[in-house]
């Protein structure tokens, strides 16, 4: 069985296993370009706003519809 050195198996653009190279992308809150320290956000302010939305339930996945009638009716 032929073996290959680990560096030959690495994917381009990867620094370490499981980590991709950082590049700026639009902030999910305001659309400004993200910065490395607060990625994927552009600032701590936008990161805090996003956290507040999660904690307030703004990002919820609706479950199946339930009926208001009781099971006995």
C-alpha atoms as a PDB file:
ATOM      1  CA  UNK A   1       0.000   0.000   0.000  1.00  0.00           C
ATOM      2  CA  UNK A   2       1.371   3.383  -1.025  1.00  0.00           C
ATOM      3  CA  UNK A   3       1.464   6.159   1.600  1.00  0.00           C
ATOM      4  CA  UNK A   4       1.631   9.906   1.059  1.00  0.00           C
ATOM      5  CA  UNK A   5       3.165  12.595   3.246  1.00  0.00           C
ATOM      6  CA  UNK A   6       0.598  14.610   5.194  1.00  0.00           C
ATOM      7  CA  UNK A   7       1.570  17.873   3.464  1.00  0.00           C
ATOM      8  CA  UNK A   8       0.598  16.360   0.106  1.00  0.00           C
ATOM      9  CA  UNK A   9      -2.898  15.597   1.404  1.00  0.00           C
ATOM     10  CA  UNK A  10      -3.572  19.088   2.748  1.00  0.00           C
ATOM     11  CA  UNK A  11      -6.190  21.079   0.876  1.00  0.00           C
ATOM     12  CA  UNK A  12      -5.196  24.411  -0.664  1.00  0.00           C
ATOM     13  CA  UNK A  13      -6.096  27.420   1.486  1.00  0.00           C
ATOM     14  CA  UNK A  14      -5.970  25.405   4.734  1.00  0.00           C
ATOM     15  CA  UNK A  15      -3.481  26.267   7.459  1.00  0.00           C
ATOM     16  CA  UNK A  16      -4.346  23.562   9.959  1.00  0.00           C
ATOM     17  CA  UNK A  17      -6.784  20.696   9.926  1.00  0.00           C
ATOM     18  CA  UNK A  18     -10.299  22.070  10.364  1.00  0.00           C
ATOM     19  CA  UNK A  19      -9.300  25.753  10.099  1.00  0.00           C
ATOM     20  CA  UNK A  20      -9.751  27.821   6.962  1.00  0.00           C
ATOM     21  CA  UNK A  21      -7.866  30.950   6.015  1.00  0.00           C
ATOM     22  CA  UNK A  22      -9.681  34.074   7.229  1.00  0.00           C
ATOM     23  CA  UNK A  23     -11.008  36.532   4.704  1.00  0.00           C
ATOM     24  CA  UNK A  24     -13.348  39.492   5.211  1.00  0.00           C
ATOM     25  CA  UNK A  25     -17.030  38.893   4.552  1.00  0.00           C
ATOM     26  CA  UNK A  26     -20.114  41.054   5.047  1.00  0.00           C
ATOM     27  CA  UNK A  27     -21.267  41.409   8.652  1.00  0.00           C
ATOM     28  CA  UNK A  28     -24.571  39.513   9.131  1.00  0.00           C
ATOM     29  CA  UNK A  29     -26.000  42.432  11.150  1.00  0.00           C
ATOM     30  CA  UNK A  30     -25.099  45.603   9.226  1.00  0.00           C
ATOM     31  CA  UNK A  31     -23.399  44.458   6.010  1.00  0.00           C
ATOM     32  CA  UNK A  32     -20.027  46.179   6.640  1.00  0.00           C
ATOM     33  CA  UNK A  33     -16.914  44.078   6.036  1.00  0.00           C
ATOM     34  CA  UNK A  34     -15.954  41.879   8.987  1.00  0.00           C
ATOM     35  CA  UNK A  35     -12.710  42.226  10.923  1.00  0.00           C
ATOM     36  CA  UNK A  36     -10.512  39.351  12.049  1.00  0.00           C
ATOM     37  CA  UNK A  37     -10.875  40.001  15.809  1.00  0.00           C
ATOM     38  CA  UNK A  38     -14.700  40.002  15.704  1.00  0.00           C
ATOM     39  CA  UNK A  39     -15.294  37.619  12.792  1.00  0.00           C
ATOM     40  CA  UNK A  40     -17.937  37.152  11.391  1.00  0.00           C
ATOM     41  CA  UNK A  41     -18.988  40.601  12.632  1.00  0.00           C
ATOM     42  CA  UNK A  42     -17.538  44.032  11.857  1.00  0.00           C
ATOM     43  CA  UNK A  43     -17.417  45.124  15.511  1.00  0.00           C
ATOM     44  CA  UNK A  44     -18.164  44.123  19.099  1.00  0.00           C
ATOM     45  CA  UNK A  45     -21.343  46.203  18.833  1.00  0.00           C
ATOM     46  CA  UNK A  46     -22.743  44.043  16.016  1.00  0.00           C
ATOM     47  CA  UNK A  47     -21.665  40.881  17.856  1.00  0.00           C
ATOM     48  CA  UNK A  48     -23.556  42.092  20.938  1.00  0.00           C
ATOM     49  CA  UNK A  49     -26.649  42.960  18.892  1.00  0.00           C
ATOM     50  CA  UNK A  50     -26.634  39.480  17.369  1.00  0.00           C
ATOM     51  CA  UNK A  51     -26.247  37.846  20.781  1.00  0.00           C
ATOM     52  CA  UNK A  52     -29.177  39.907  22.073  1.00  0.00           C
ATOM     53  CA  UNK A  53     -31.314  38.705  19.178  1.00  0.00           C
ATOM     54  CA  UNK A  54     -30.472  35.083  19.996  1.00  0.00           C
ATOM     55  CA  UNK A  55     -31.251  35.569  23.682  1.00  0.00           C
ATOM     56  CA  UNK A  56     -34.573  37.314  22.935  1.00  0.00           C
ATOM     57  CA  UNK A  57     -35.675  34.489  20.639  1.00  0.00           C
ATOM     58  CA  UNK A  58     -35.555  36.466  17.385  1.00  0.00           C
ATOM     59  CA  UNK A  59     -33.718  33.554  15.752  1.00  0.00           C
ATOM     60  CA  UNK A  60     -36.120  30.752  16.468  1.00  0.00           C
ATOM     61  CA  UNK A  61     -37.182  27.871  14.302  1.00  0.00           C
ATOM     62  CA  UNK A  62     -40.948  27.454  14.280  1.00  0.00           C
ATOM     63  CA  UNK A  63     -42.161  24.038  15.318  1.00  0.00           C
ATOM     64  CA  UNK A  64     -45.173  22.171  13.989  1.00  0.00           C
ATOM     65  CA  UNK A  65     -48.505  23.929  14.310  1.00  0.00           C
ATOM     66  CA  UNK A  66     -50.505  22.901  17.356  1.00  0.00           C
ATOM     67  CA  UNK A  67     -54.261  23.098  17.640  1.00  0.00           C
ATOM     68  CA  UNK A  68     -55.901  25.062  20.422  1.00  0.00           C
ATOM     69  CA  UNK A  69     -58.553  22.369  21.018  1.00  0.00           C
ATOM     70  CA  UNK A  70     -58.051  19.846  23.775  1.00  0.00           C
ATOM     71  CA  UNK A  71     -57.713  16.157  22.948  1.00  0.00           C
ATOM     72  CA  UNK A  72     -61.094  15.316  24.594  1.00  0.00           C
ATOM     73  CA  UNK A  73     -63.167  17.426  22.195  1.00  0.00           C
END
